[in-house]
């Protein structure tokens, strides 16, 4: 079964969406420059000019930023060592202690609050 024209409208629609997004990003960059009182070249980073066309459903189409933060991925062994270190030092298990405190206060104060709210009410 052949359907030679089926891809064409779909491709044109996707291309149209992409072009509209590019144009809108250029307008947003120009508006930002105007609002900030800077030159358009200073906000040119807001423009979308190279969307990924091979993105799968659920993935972002924008290119991945390469900056000081994006390169901070650590090997799993390093991450595990960091997690283990949460159990050492003066604040070891601080999160667990906080959760335990909240739970005990919730049980104690919650029961008292319920008791107060039902005072004088006939059952």
Protein backbone atom coordinates (compact mmCIF):
# COMPACT_ATOMS: atom_id res chain seq x y z
CA UNK A 1 0.00 0.00 0.00
CA UNK A 2 1.44 3.34 -1.02
CA UNK A 3 0.53 6.70 0.41
CA UNK A 4 3.05 9.14 -1.10
CA UNK A 5 1.30 12.35 -0.04
CA UNK A 6 0.56 11.47 3.57
CA UNK A 7 3.87 12.77 4.91
CA UNK A 8 3.75 16.04 3.08
CA UNK A 9 0.95 17.82 5.00
CA UNK A 10 2.28 16.48 8.28
CA UNK A 11 5.76 17.71 7.48
CA UNK A 12 4.44 21.10 6.44
CA UNK A 13 2.42 21.41 9.64
CA UNK A 14 5.43 20.57 11.80
CA UNK A 15 7.60 22.96 9.82
CA UNK A 16 4.96 25.66 10.22
CA UNK A 17 4.87 25.16 13.97
CA UNK A 18 8.65 25.32 14.12
CA UNK A 19 8.77 28.50 12.05
CA UNK A 20 6.05 30.09 14.20
CA UNK A 21 8.00 29.21 17.34
CA UNK A 22 11.17 30.73 15.87
CA UNK A 23 9.37 33.94 14.94
CA UNK A 24 7.72 34.18 18.36
CA UNK A 25 11.07 33.68 20.08
CA UNK A 26 12.55 36.51 17.99
CA UNK A 27 9.67 38.76 19.02
CA UNK A 28 10.11 37.77 22.68
CA UNK A 29 13.83 38.55 22.50
CA UNK A 30 13.10 41.96 20.96
CA UNK A 31 10.46 42.70 23.62
CA UNK A 32 12.85 41.66 26.39
CA UNK A 33 15.57 43.92 24.98
CA UNK A 34 13.13 46.80 24.86
CA UNK A 35 11.89 46.19 28.40
CA UNK A 36 15.40 45.84 29.79
CA UNK A 37 16.75 48.78 27.82
CA UNK A 38 19.55 46.74 26.27
CA UNK A 39 20.54 45.98 22.69
CA UNK A 40 18.85 43.16 20.83
CA UNK A 41 22.17 41.32 20.59
CA UNK A 42 22.20 40.94 24.39
CA UNK A 43 18.91 39.04 24.33
CA UNK A 44 19.63 37.06 21.18
CA UNK A 45 20.21 33.97 23.32
CA UNK A 46 16.44 33.81 23.80
CA UNK A 47 15.92 33.06 20.11
CA UNK A 48 15.20 29.51 19.06
CA UNK A 49 17.18 28.73 15.98
CA UNK A 50 18.13 25.10 16.21
CA UNK A 51 15.31 22.93 17.52
CA UNK A 52 16.06 19.21 17.43
CA UNK A 53 14.06 17.46 14.77
CA UNK A 54 14.88 13.98 16.05
CA UNK A 55 13.28 14.37 19.49
CA UNK A 56 10.99 11.58 20.62
CA UNK A 57 7.65 12.02 22.34
CA UNK A 58 8.22 13.43 25.81
CA UNK A 59 11.68 14.83 25.04
CA UNK A 60 12.42 18.53 24.79
CA UNK A 61 13.11 19.78 21.28
CA UNK A 62 15.41 22.56 22.43
CA UNK A 63 19.14 21.85 22.31
CA UNK A 64 20.86 20.85 25.52
CA UNK A 65 22.66 23.75 27.17
CA UNK A 66 26.33 23.30 27.81
CA UNK A 67 27.32 25.48 30.72
CA UNK A 68 28.83 25.27 34.19
CA UNK A 69 25.80 23.49 35.60
CA UNK A 70 25.09 21.08 32.78
CA UNK A 71 28.48 19.44 33.16
CA UNK A 72 27.94 18.58 36.81
CA UNK A 73 26.68 15.05 36.22
CA UNK A 74 28.47 12.64 38.49
CA UNK A 75 29.15 8.94 38.14
CA UNK A 76 26.80 6.75 40.17
CA UNK A 77 29.59 5.70 42.55
CA UNK A 78 30.20 9.36 43.41
CA UNK A 79 26.50 9.96 43.98
CA UNK A 80 26.26 6.92 46.25
CA UNK A 81 29.27 8.11 48.26
CA UNK A 82 27.62 11.51 48.69
CA UNK A 83 24.40 9.82 49.88
CA UNK A 84 26.35 7.73 52.39
CA UNK A 85 28.01 10.87 53.73
CA UNK A 86 24.58 12.13 54.83
CA UNK A 87 24.83 9.60 57.67
CA UNK A 88 28.08 11.06 59.04
CA UNK A 89 29.04 14.23 60.83
CA UNK A 90 27.23 16.55 63.24
CA UNK A 91 24.02 16.65 61.19
CA UNK A 92 23.87 12.96 60.40
CA UNK A 93 20.36 11.76 59.66
CA UNK A 94 18.98 15.29 60.17
CA UNK A 95 16.20 14.68 57.66
CA UNK A 96 15.09 11.51 59.42
CA UNK A 97 15.09 13.29 62.78
CA UNK A 98 13.01 16.11 61.31
CA UNK A 99 10.46 13.66 59.91
CA UNK A 100 10.23 11.85 63.26
CA UNK A 101 9.68 15.17 65.06
CA UNK A 102 6.95 16.22 62.65
CA UNK A 103 5.22 12.86 63.00
CA UNK A 104 5.26 12.94 66.80
CA UNK A 105 3.98 16.52 66.88
CA UNK A 106 1.32 15.66 64.34
CA UNK A 107 0.05 12.74 66.42
CA UNK A 108 0.12 14.70 69.68
CA UNK A 109 -1.24 18.02 68.43
CA UNK A 110 -3.59 16.45 65.92
CA UNK A 111 -5.32 14.38 68.60
CA UNK A 112 -5.61 17.43 70.87
CA UNK A 113 -7.05 19.49 68.00
CA UNK A 114 -9.67 16.84 67.25
CA UNK A 115 -10.55 16.63 70.93
CA UNK A 116 -11.02 20.41 71.11
CA UNK A 117 -13.14 20.51 67.97
CA UNK A 118 -15.52 17.87 69.32
CA UNK A 119 -15.90 19.37 72.83
CA UNK A 120 -19.47 20.00 73.75
CA UNK A 121 -20.84 18.26 70.72
CA UNK A 122 -23.30 15.52 71.33
CA UNK A 123 -22.55 12.27 69.57
